[in-house]
Amino acid sequence: MTAPRSLQLRLGLAVGVLLTLLWVTTATVTAVMLRHEIDEVFDSALEETAQRLLPLAVMDIVDRDEEGVTQHLSANRNHTEHFTYLVTDAQGRILLQSHDADPADFPAWQGPGFANSDTHRTFSDSALRDTIRITVAEPLDHRAAVAREVQMGLGLPVLIVIPLALLAIMLAVRASLAPLRRFRETLERRNERDMAPVPADDLPAELAPLAAAQNALLDRLRGAFEAERSFAANAAHELRTPLAGAIAQAQRLRAETKDPAAQARAGDIEAALKRLTRMSERLLQLARAEGGRLRLDTPADLRTAARVVLDDLTRAAGPGRIETTLPEAPVISDLDPDAFGILCRNLVENALRHGDSTAPVQVSLARDGMFRVSNAGPVVPESQLQALTARFERGDAQAEGSGLGLAIASAIAERIGTRIDLHSPRPGRADGFEVALRLPVTAP
C-alpha cells in the first residue's frame, strides 16, 4: 500500500494514528491500574465488613439460649446484596447468615484470609479461639461489572473524542496549508506568458525556499522570453530601412536597364524584398501581441479601428471584395485599438489571400463583441485546423504568406482572455473557412 500523495492527508493520518495509539495505550494502562486499585478497594471492604460483623455475631451467638441454631436474617427491603456472609462454629454448623447468602457459594474453611472460588472472592476471620468463624463473600461478576464500567468510561471518550480530534487535526492541517493552496491556485491560473513573481509572503518557513526558487526560475524565464521578443522586435524594426533602400535600388535598376532578363531579375529581387518586408512587419506585430499591453484604462469604440483597417484593405483589394457588417450602436471595449487593428488586418488579409477570389470576404462585429471573418474556398480538414494557429503554419503551401497571421490573432486572443474558434466549412455552408472570437466589451 503506497502512502497518499496529499501532504495534508499524510499529516492528518500520521498525527491521527499517533494520537489514537497514544490514547488507546493510555486507556489500557489506566484500565489495568484501576482494576488493580478496584481489587484492593473491594478486598479492603471485604476485610472491613468481616471485622465489623464478627463482634456483633459473637455477641448475638453468645446470648442465645440454644446452641448450634441457624439464624437467617431477613431483608428490611428489596435490594441487591453484593456482600454476603456466613457465621459458623468449629464444627461447620451455620449459626448466622445474610438473607441472600447461599452456603454453596462459600468454600470450606481454610483459615483466616482471602480465598477465591470459581464465582466468589471471600475473606474469613475467627474469634473466641476459632470457635466462631465468619466468611464474607463477594461475586466475581460484581468486580467484573465494575471493571467493565470503568473500561466503558475510558473507551467511550476514545470512540467520541478520537473522531472529533481527527477532524480537528484535519481542519488545523488544512488551515495551516491554506497559503500553499493559494500559491498553487495562483500558479494554476497563470498562462505561459505570465512570468510575474507569485506572492509567497504567507507561506510557512519550510516551504518559503521552494517558492523563492520558483519565483527565481520565473524571473529567469521572463528575462529569456523578453530578450527573445526584444530581439525579434528590434530585428524587424531595424530591417525596415535597409529593406526599403534595397527595394528602391531594385526598382531603379529595373527602370534604368533595357535588358529584359535584367529587368526580370530585378523584379524578382523586388518581390523577394517585399515578402521579406511583410515578414518583418508580421514579426514586429507578433512581438507586439506577445509582449505589449493590450488592455487600456480608457475604453474606446472598436468600430472606428475596424472602419480604418477595412477601408484601407478595401482600397487595396478592390471594390466588392470585402463585405462589412458593423452595428449601429458603439462597441465599447478596453482592448487597445492598435491591437484590434492588427487582429482585424491579419484575419482579413488571410481570408483575401487564401479564400476564393471570386467571392467576397465577410467581416462582422456584433454589439456583444463577437468578431467574425469568413471566406469562401476549399474545406480545411479537421486535423489541420488547430495547427493553423502555430507560427509559420500555412494551410495552403502554394499561397503566398508568412504563416504568422493566425498565430498573431491567437496570441492576441490569449492575451485578452478569450478563445479563437476556427470553423471549416463555415457554419451553415458547405465550404469556406471562418474565424470567430469574442472581444471584451463594456457598457457604453
Protein backbone atom coordinates (compact mmCIF):
# COMPACT_ATOMS: atom_id res chain seq x y z
CA MET A 1 0.00 0.00 0.00
CA THR A 2 1.50 3.31 -1.09
CA ALA A 3 1.38 6.44 1.04
CA PRO A 4 -1.13 9.12 -0.04
CA ARG A 5 0.32 11.87 -2.23
CA SER A 6 -1.52 14.62 -0.35
CA LEU A 7 0.67 16.27 2.30
CA GLN A 8 -2.46 17.31 4.16
CA LEU A 9 -3.73 13.73 4.24
CA ARG A 10 -0.32 12.40 5.26
CA LEU A 11 -0.02 14.81 8.19
CA GLY A 12 -3.62 14.22 9.24
CA LEU A 13 -3.26 10.43 9.14
CA ALA A 14 0.11 10.42 10.88
CA VAL A 15 -0.98 12.69 13.73
CA GLY A 16 -4.36 10.94 13.97
CA VAL A 17 -2.85 7.44 14.13
CA LEU A 18 -0.27 8.54 16.71
CA LEU A 19 -2.96 10.22 18.79
CA THR A 20 -5.21 7.15 18.58
CA LEU A 21 -2.40 4.79 19.59
CA LEU A 22 -1.40 7.08 22.44
CA TRP A 23 -4.98 7.35 23.67
CA VAL A 24 -5.64 3.59 23.42
CA THR A 25 -2.36 2.78 25.17
CA THR A 26 -3.09 5.29 27.92
CA ALA A 27 -6.63 3.98 28.34
CA THR A 28 -5.38 0.36 28.51
CA VAL A 29 -2.70 1.15 31.09
CA THR A 30 -5.20 3.20 33.09
CA ALA A 31 -7.76 0.37 32.99
CA VAL A 32 -5.17 -2.13 34.25
CA MET A 33 -4.11 0.18 37.07
CA LEU A 34 -7.72 0.90 38.00
CA ARG A 35 -8.54 -2.83 38.03
CA HIS A 36 -5.70 -3.36 40.49
CA GLU A 37 -6.92 -0.46 42.63
CA ILE A 38 -10.50 -1.77 42.43
CA ASP A 39 -9.35 -5.18 43.68
CA GLU A 40 -7.56 -3.52 46.59
CA VAL A 41 -10.60 -1.39 47.47
CA PHE A 42 -13.00 -4.33 47.36
CA ASP A 43 -10.59 -6.57 49.33
CA SER A 44 -10.37 -3.85 51.94
CA ALA A 45 -14.17 -3.65 52.01
CA LEU A 46 -14.42 -7.43 52.41
CA GLU A 47 -11.96 -7.40 55.29
CA GLU A 48 -13.55 -4.40 56.98
CA THR A 49 -17.03 -5.91 56.65
CA ALA A 50 -15.88 -9.15 58.26
CA GLN A 51 -14.15 -7.31 61.10
CA ARG A 52 -17.26 -5.21 61.81
CA LEU A 53 -19.70 -8.10 61.65
CA LEU A 54 -17.68 -10.61 63.67
CA PRO A 55 -18.01 -8.87 67.11
CA LEU A 56 -21.75 -8.38 66.55
CA ALA A 57 -22.15 -12.01 65.54
CA VAL A 58 -20.21 -13.17 68.62
CA MET A 59 -22.44 -11.14 70.94
CA ASP A 60 -25.58 -12.48 69.30
CA ILE A 61 -24.44 -16.11 69.39
CA VAL A 62 -23.16 -15.99 72.98
CA ASP A 63 -26.50 -14.61 74.25
CA ARG A 64 -28.54 -17.39 72.64
CA ASP A 65 -30.33 -19.94 74.80
CA GLU A 66 -29.87 -22.76 72.30
CA GLU A 67 -26.54 -23.76 70.84
CA GLY A 68 -25.96 -24.54 67.14
CA VAL A 69 -29.19 -22.97 65.89
CA THR A 70 -29.05 -21.32 62.47
CA GLN A 71 -30.37 -17.76 62.33
CA HIS A 72 -31.31 -16.42 58.87
CA LEU A 73 -31.52 -12.66 58.73
CA SER A 74 -34.34 -11.23 56.67
CA ALA A 75 -34.06 -8.11 54.48
CA ASN A 76 -35.81 -4.93 55.51
CA ARG A 77 -36.42 -4.07 51.84
CA ASN A 78 -35.54 -5.48 48.46
CA HIS A 79 -32.03 -4.59 47.41
CA THR A 80 -29.03 -6.05 45.64
CA GLU A 81 -26.64 -7.56 48.15
CA HIS A 82 -23.11 -7.52 46.80
CA PHE A 83 -21.59 -8.82 50.05
CA THR A 84 -23.00 -11.95 51.74
CA TYR A 85 -21.69 -13.68 54.84
CA LEU A 86 -21.89 -16.90 56.86
CA VAL A 87 -21.07 -17.35 60.54
CA THR A 88 -20.21 -20.93 61.50
CA ASP A 89 -18.83 -22.76 64.51
CA ALA A 90 -15.78 -25.02 64.65
CA GLN A 91 -17.95 -28.00 63.57
CA GLY A 92 -19.06 -26.13 60.42
CA ARG A 93 -22.62 -25.56 61.60
CA ILE A 94 -24.13 -22.34 60.25
CA LEU A 95 -25.01 -20.05 63.11
CA LEU A 96 -25.83 -16.84 61.19
CA GLN A 97 -26.19 -15.89 57.54
CA SER A 98 -27.32 -12.93 55.46
CA HIS A 99 -30.61 -13.20 53.62
CA ASP A 100 -29.04 -13.66 50.15
CA ALA A 101 -26.23 -15.97 51.29
CA ASP A 102 -26.04 -19.35 49.54
CA PRO A 103 -23.88 -21.83 51.51
CA ALA A 104 -22.86 -23.44 48.22
CA ASP A 105 -21.04 -20.27 47.26
CA PHE A 106 -18.79 -20.43 50.32
CA PRO A 107 -15.71 -22.64 50.21
CA ALA A 108 -14.68 -24.92 53.06
CA TRP A 109 -12.90 -23.26 55.97
CA GLN A 110 -9.23 -22.74 55.16
CA GLY A 111 -8.33 -20.40 57.92
CA PRO A 112 -8.37 -16.59 58.12
CA GLY A 113 -7.57 -14.62 55.00
CA PHE A 114 -8.62 -14.20 51.38
CA ALA A 115 -9.60 -17.03 49.06
CA ASN A 116 -11.05 -17.38 45.59
CA SER A 117 -13.58 -19.79 44.17
CA ASP A 118 -14.87 -20.05 40.65
CA THR A 119 -17.53 -17.47 41.35
CA HIS A 120 -16.62 -15.56 44.51
CA ARG A 121 -13.88 -13.75 46.34
CA THR A 122 -14.02 -14.40 50.12
CA PHE A 123 -12.43 -13.19 53.33
CA SER A 124 -12.54 -15.29 56.51
CA ASP A 125 -11.83 -14.49 60.18
CA SER A 126 -12.45 -16.13 63.53
CA ALA A 127 -12.98 -15.26 67.21
CA LEU A 128 -13.15 -16.96 70.62
CA ARG A 129 -10.21 -19.22 69.85
CA ASP A 130 -11.54 -20.22 66.45
CA THR A 131 -14.90 -21.34 67.80
CA ILE A 132 -16.82 -18.74 65.83
CA ARG A 133 -15.89 -18.15 62.20
CA ILE A 134 -17.14 -15.62 59.67
CA THR A 135 -16.73 -15.64 55.89
CA VAL A 136 -17.76 -12.66 53.75
CA ALA A 137 -18.16 -13.34 50.02
CA GLU A 138 -18.38 -11.06 47.00
CA PRO A 139 -19.34 -12.30 43.50
CA LEU A 140 -16.53 -12.01 41.00
CA ASP A 141 -19.15 -10.84 38.47
CA HIS A 142 -19.62 -7.72 40.58
CA ARG A 143 -15.97 -6.79 40.25
CA ALA A 144 -16.00 -7.62 36.53
CA ALA A 145 -19.07 -5.41 36.06
CA VAL A 146 -17.38 -2.50 37.84
CA ALA A 147 -14.24 -3.04 35.75
CA ARG A 148 -16.34 -3.07 32.56
CA GLU A 149 -17.99 0.19 33.59
CA VAL A 150 -14.57 1.72 34.14
CA GLN A 151 -13.39 0.45 30.78
CA MET A 152 -16.51 1.80 29.12
CA GLY A 153 -15.89 5.12 30.81
CA LEU A 154 -12.41 5.14 29.36
CA GLY A 155 -13.39 3.69 25.97
CA LEU A 156 -16.38 5.85 25.12
CA PRO A 157 -14.31 9.04 25.04
CA VAL A 158 -11.97 7.25 22.63
CA LEU A 159 -14.88 6.49 20.31
CA ILE A 160 -16.19 10.04 20.55
CA VAL A 161 -13.11 12.18 21.08
CA ILE A 162 -10.81 10.44 18.59
CA PRO A 163 -13.06 11.16 15.55
CA LEU A 164 -13.50 14.74 16.76
CA ALA A 165 -9.76 15.01 17.33
CA LEU A 166 -9.06 13.62 13.86
CA LEU A 167 -11.48 16.15 12.36
CA ALA A 168 -9.84 18.94 14.32
CA ILE A 169 -6.42 17.78 13.17
CA MET A 170 -7.53 17.69 9.52
CA LEU A 171 -9.04 21.17 9.82
CA ALA A 172 -5.92 22.50 11.53
CA VAL A 173 -3.65 20.97 8.89
CA ARG A 174 -5.91 22.30 6.13
CA ALA A 175 -5.84 25.78 7.64
CA SER A 176 -2.06 25.59 8.01
CA LEU A 177 -1.66 24.59 4.37
CA ALA A 178 -4.07 27.24 3.07
CA PRO A 179 -1.18 29.54 1.97
CA LEU A 180 0.28 26.64 -0.02
CA ARG A 181 -3.08 26.04 -1.74
CA ARG A 182 -3.34 29.72 -2.60
CA PHE A 183 0.18 29.62 -4.01
CA ARG A 184 -0.72 26.57 -6.13
CA GLU A 185 -4.01 28.08 -7.35
CA THR A 186 -2.19 31.27 -8.31
CA LEU A 187 0.27 29.23 -10.35
CA GLU A 188 -2.56 27.24 -11.97
CA ARG A 189 -4.28 30.44 -13.09
CA ARG A 190 -1.13 31.67 -14.80
CA ASN A 191 -0.70 31.18 -18.51
CA GLU A 192 2.61 30.52 -20.17
CA ARG A 193 3.15 34.23 -20.84
CA ASP A 194 2.65 35.46 -17.27
CA MET A 195 6.05 35.26 -15.61
CA ALA A 196 5.47 37.71 -12.75
CA PRO A 197 6.61 36.52 -9.29
CA VAL A 198 3.94 34.68 -7.31
CA PRO A 199 3.22 36.26 -3.89
CA ALA A 200 4.52 33.91 -1.19
CA ASP A 201 4.83 36.09 1.91
CA ASP A 202 2.38 33.98 3.96
CA LEU A 203 3.93 30.59 3.18
CA PRO A 204 5.32 28.56 6.11
CA ALA A 205 9.05 28.86 6.67
CA GLU A 206 9.58 25.26 5.50
CA LEU A 207 8.01 26.00 2.10
CA ALA A 208 9.24 29.55 1.56
CA PRO A 209 12.55 28.41 -0.05
CA LEU A 210 10.59 26.41 -2.64
CA ALA A 211 8.51 29.47 -3.51
CA ALA A 212 11.65 31.62 -3.69
CA ALA A 213 13.25 29.11 -6.07
CA GLN A 214 10.06 29.03 -8.16
CA ASN A 215 9.96 32.82 -8.43
CA ALA A 216 13.66 32.93 -9.29
CA LEU A 217 13.04 30.46 -12.10
CA LEU A 218 10.09 32.54 -13.35
CA ASP A 219 12.28 35.63 -13.28
CA ARG A 220 14.96 33.91 -15.37
CA LEU A 221 12.36 32.63 -17.84
CA ARG A 222 10.79 36.08 -18.08
CA GLY A 223 14.19 37.56 -18.85
CA ALA A 224 14.82 34.93 -21.53
CA PHE A 225 11.41 35.46 -23.17
CA GLU A 226 11.74 39.25 -23.05
CA ALA A 227 15.15 39.02 -24.65
CA GLU A 228 13.69 36.81 -27.40
CA ARG A 229 10.78 39.18 -28.05
CA SER A 230 13.01 42.21 -27.88
CA PHE A 231 15.40 40.68 -30.39
CA ALA A 232 12.56 39.84 -32.80
CA ALA A 233 11.03 43.29 -32.47
CA ASN A 234 14.34 45.13 -32.82
CA ALA A 235 15.45 42.99 -35.72
CA ALA A 236 12.17 43.53 -37.56
CA HIS A 237 12.31 47.26 -36.86
CA GLU A 238 15.94 47.61 -37.93
CA LEU A 239 15.29 45.70 -41.15
CA ARG A 240 12.74 48.23 -42.38
CA THR A 241 15.19 50.90 -43.52
CA PRO A 242 17.69 48.65 -45.37
CA LEU A 243 14.83 46.69 -46.95
CA ALA A 244 13.19 49.89 -48.16
CA GLY A 245 16.53 51.03 -49.61
CA ALA A 246 17.08 47.67 -51.30
CA ILE A 247 13.57 47.77 -52.81
CA ALA A 248 14.23 51.27 -54.13
CA GLN A 249 17.53 50.13 -55.69
CA ALA A 250 15.83 47.15 -57.32
CA GLN A 251 13.12 49.41 -58.74
CA ARG A 252 15.72 51.87 -60.03
CA LEU A 253 17.72 49.03 -61.60
CA ARG A 254 14.64 47.74 -63.38
CA ALA A 255 13.81 51.22 -64.64
CA GLU A 256 17.32 52.01 -65.89
CA THR A 257 18.18 48.76 -67.65
CA LYS A 258 16.98 47.91 -71.12
CA ASP A 259 17.87 44.23 -70.85
CA PRO A 260 14.64 42.17 -70.42
CA ALA A 261 16.49 39.47 -68.49
CA ALA A 262 17.97 42.04 -66.10
CA GLN A 263 14.53 43.65 -65.64
CA ALA A 264 13.05 40.24 -64.81
CA ARG A 265 15.78 39.54 -62.26
CA ALA A 266 15.30 43.00 -60.75
CA GLY A 267 11.56 42.32 -60.50
CA ASP A 268 12.23 39.01 -58.73
CA ILE A 269 14.57 40.74 -56.30
CA GLU A 270 11.95 43.41 -55.60
CA ALA A 271 9.25 40.77 -54.95
CA ALA A 272 11.53 38.84 -52.60
CA LEU A 273 12.42 42.01 -50.71
CA LYS A 274 8.73 42.91 -50.36
CA ARG A 275 8.00 39.44 -48.95
CA LEU A 276 10.84 39.93 -46.51
CA THR A 277 9.40 43.33 -45.56
CA ARG A 278 5.98 41.78 -44.90
CA MET A 279 7.64 39.05 -42.83
CA SER A 280 9.47 41.62 -40.70
CA GLU A 281 6.20 43.53 -40.18
CA ARG A 282 4.48 40.33 -39.07
CA LEU A 283 7.32 39.55 -36.68
CA LEU A 284 7.02 43.02 -35.24
CA GLN A 285 3.25 42.54 -34.82
CA LEU A 286 3.79 39.16 -33.15
CA ALA A 287 6.24 40.69 -30.69
CA ARG A 288 3.68 43.44 -30.01
CA ALA A 289 0.92 40.86 -29.48
CA GLU A 290 3.00 38.75 -27.11
CA GLY A 291 4.71 41.44 -25.10
CA GLY A 292 2.77 44.70 -25.30
CA ARG A 293 -0.13 45.96 -23.21
CA LEU A 294 -3.38 45.08 -24.95
CA ARG A 295 -5.95 46.34 -22.41
CA LEU A 296 -6.25 50.09 -21.75
CA ASP A 297 -7.70 52.06 -18.87
CA THR A 298 -9.88 54.15 -21.19
CA PRO A 299 -12.40 52.16 -23.31
CA ALA A 300 -12.96 53.10 -26.95
CA ASP A 301 -15.33 52.26 -29.81
CA LEU A 302 -13.94 49.33 -31.81
CA ARG A 303 -15.95 50.32 -34.88
CA THR A 304 -13.57 53.21 -35.55
CA ALA A 305 -10.50 50.98 -35.75
CA ALA A 306 -12.46 48.43 -37.83
CA ARG A 307 -13.51 51.09 -40.40
CA VAL A 308 -9.96 52.42 -40.77
CA VAL A 309 -8.45 48.98 -41.34
CA LEU A 310 -11.26 47.69 -43.59
CA ASP A 311 -11.30 50.85 -45.73
CA ASP A 312 -7.56 50.53 -46.30
CA LEU A 313 -7.87 46.83 -47.18
CA THR A 314 -10.85 47.53 -49.48
CA ARG A 315 -8.85 50.08 -51.46
CA ALA A 316 -6.02 47.58 -51.86
CA ALA A 317 -8.22 44.57 -52.69
CA GLY A 318 -10.74 46.35 -54.88
CA PRO A 319 -14.46 47.10 -54.54
CA GLY A 320 -16.75 44.22 -53.68
CA ARG A 321 -14.02 42.06 -52.15
CA ILE A 322 -14.94 42.81 -48.52
CA GLU A 323 -18.46 42.86 -47.07
CA THR A 324 -18.55 44.62 -43.71
CA THR A 325 -21.31 44.38 -41.09
CA LEU A 326 -20.97 46.76 -38.14
CA PRO A 327 -23.62 47.53 -35.51
CA GLU A 328 -25.25 50.95 -35.34
CA ALA A 329 -24.55 51.26 -31.61
CA PRO A 330 -20.98 51.72 -30.37
CA VAL A 331 -18.96 48.63 -29.38
CA ILE A 332 -17.11 49.92 -26.33
CA SER A 333 -14.07 47.92 -25.25
CA ASP A 334 -10.86 48.41 -23.29
CA LEU A 335 -8.98 46.47 -25.99
CA ASP A 336 -6.20 48.60 -27.48
CA PRO A 337 -7.46 49.83 -30.89
CA ASP A 338 -4.00 49.20 -32.35
CA ALA A 339 -4.13 45.58 -31.18
CA PHE A 340 -7.63 45.21 -32.62
CA GLY A 341 -6.39 46.73 -35.86
CA ILE A 342 -3.55 44.19 -36.04
CA LEU A 343 -6.03 41.39 -35.34
CA CYS A 344 -8.51 42.59 -37.96
CA ARG A 345 -5.88 43.21 -40.63
CA ASN A 346 -4.25 39.79 -40.26
CA LEU A 347 -7.53 37.89 -40.34
CA VAL A 348 -8.91 39.77 -43.34
CA GLU A 349 -5.63 39.57 -45.27
CA ASN A 350 -5.55 35.82 -44.61
CA ALA A 351 -9.10 35.49 -45.92
CA LEU A 352 -8.27 37.53 -49.04
CA ARG A 353 -5.09 35.59 -49.71
CA HIS A 354 -6.36 32.04 -49.10
CA GLY A 355 -10.06 32.35 -49.94
CA ASP A 356 -11.95 32.21 -53.23
CA SER A 357 -11.03 35.33 -55.22
CA THR A 358 -14.47 35.41 -56.86
CA ALA A 359 -16.39 35.60 -53.57
CA PRO A 360 -16.32 38.44 -51.02
CA VAL A 361 -14.77 38.15 -47.58
CA GLN A 362 -17.42 38.71 -44.90
CA VAL A 363 -16.41 40.68 -41.81
CA SER A 364 -18.84 41.29 -38.94
CA LEU A 365 -18.61 42.86 -35.49
CA ALA A 366 -21.60 42.37 -33.17
CA ARG A 367 -22.78 44.51 -30.30
CA ASP A 368 -21.71 41.82 -27.80
CA GLY A 369 -18.12 41.85 -29.12
CA MET A 370 -18.37 38.78 -31.36
CA PHE A 371 -15.99 39.31 -34.28
CA ARG A 372 -16.15 37.03 -37.34
CA VAL A 373 -14.17 36.83 -40.56
CA SER A 374 -15.23 34.24 -43.14
CA ASN A 375 -14.42 33.47 -46.74
CA ALA A 376 -15.44 31.01 -49.41
CA GLY A 377 -12.99 28.36 -50.53
CA PRO A 378 -12.00 24.74 -50.09
CA VAL A 379 -12.72 22.98 -46.80
CA VAL A 380 -9.75 22.64 -44.42
CA PRO A 381 -9.55 19.16 -42.87
CA GLU A 382 -10.39 18.98 -39.16
CA SER A 383 -6.94 17.57 -38.41
CA GLN A 384 -5.28 20.75 -39.76
CA LEU A 385 -7.50 23.38 -38.17
CA GLN A 386 -5.79 23.70 -34.79
CA ALA A 387 -2.33 23.53 -36.35
CA LEU A 388 -3.07 26.72 -38.32
CA THR A 389 -2.54 28.89 -35.22
CA ALA A 390 1.08 27.73 -34.93
CA ARG A 391 3.83 30.01 -36.17
CA PHE A 392 4.80 29.74 -39.84
CA GLU A 393 1.98 27.25 -40.47
CA ARG A 394 0.06 27.68 -43.74
CA GLY A 395 -2.96 25.67 -44.80
CA ASP A 396 -2.22 26.17 -48.49
CA ALA A 397 1.51 25.84 -49.08
CA GLN A 398 1.14 27.24 -52.62
CA ALA A 399 -0.34 30.56 -51.49
CA GLU A 400 1.82 33.49 -50.52
CA GLY A 401 2.02 34.39 -46.87
CA SER A 402 4.25 34.35 -43.81
CA GLY A 403 2.29 31.77 -41.83
CA LEU A 404 2.01 34.24 -38.93
CA GLY A 405 -1.45 35.75 -39.42
CA LEU A 406 -3.42 33.26 -37.32
CA ALA A 407 -0.53 32.94 -34.86
CA ILE A 408 -0.72 36.71 -34.22
CA ALA A 409 -4.51 36.56 -33.87
CA SER A 410 -4.23 33.60 -31.48
CA ALA A 411 -1.63 35.41 -29.36
CA ILE A 412 -3.87 38.48 -29.06
CA ALA A 413 -6.90 36.32 -28.17
CA GLU A 414 -4.94 34.53 -25.47
CA ARG A 415 -3.59 37.77 -24.00
CA ILE A 416 -7.09 39.27 -23.67
CA GLY A 417 -8.51 36.11 -22.12
CA THR A 418 -10.67 34.81 -24.96
CA ARG A 419 -10.56 31.90 -27.38
CA ILE A 420 -10.21 31.90 -31.14
CA ASP A 421 -12.53 29.42 -32.90
CA LEU A 422 -11.80 28.07 -36.36
CA HIS A 423 -14.59 26.54 -38.47
CA SER A 424 -14.34 24.82 -41.83
CA PRO A 425 -16.71 24.65 -43.56
CA ARG A 426 -18.39 27.87 -42.50
CA PRO A 427 -21.42 27.46 -40.19
CA GLY A 428 -24.47 26.90 -42.38
CA ARG A 429 -22.37 26.49 -45.55
CA ALA A 430 -20.77 23.57 -47.34
CA ASP A 431 -17.43 25.26 -47.98
CA GLY A 432 -15.17 28.04 -46.77
CA PHE A 433 -13.40 28.98 -43.58
CA GLU A 434 -14.39 31.15 -40.60
CA VAL A 435 -12.53 32.66 -37.68
CA ALA A 436 -14.59 33.82 -34.68
CA LEU A 437 -13.67 35.24 -31.29
CA ARG A 438 -15.45 37.26 -28.64
CA LEU A 439 -13.79 40.57 -27.80
CA PRO A 440 -14.11 42.13 -24.32
CA VAL A 441 -16.81 44.82 -24.25
CA THR A 442 -18.07 47.17 -21.57
CA ALA A 443 -21.21 49.20 -21.07
CA PRO A 444 -21.29 52.35 -23.21
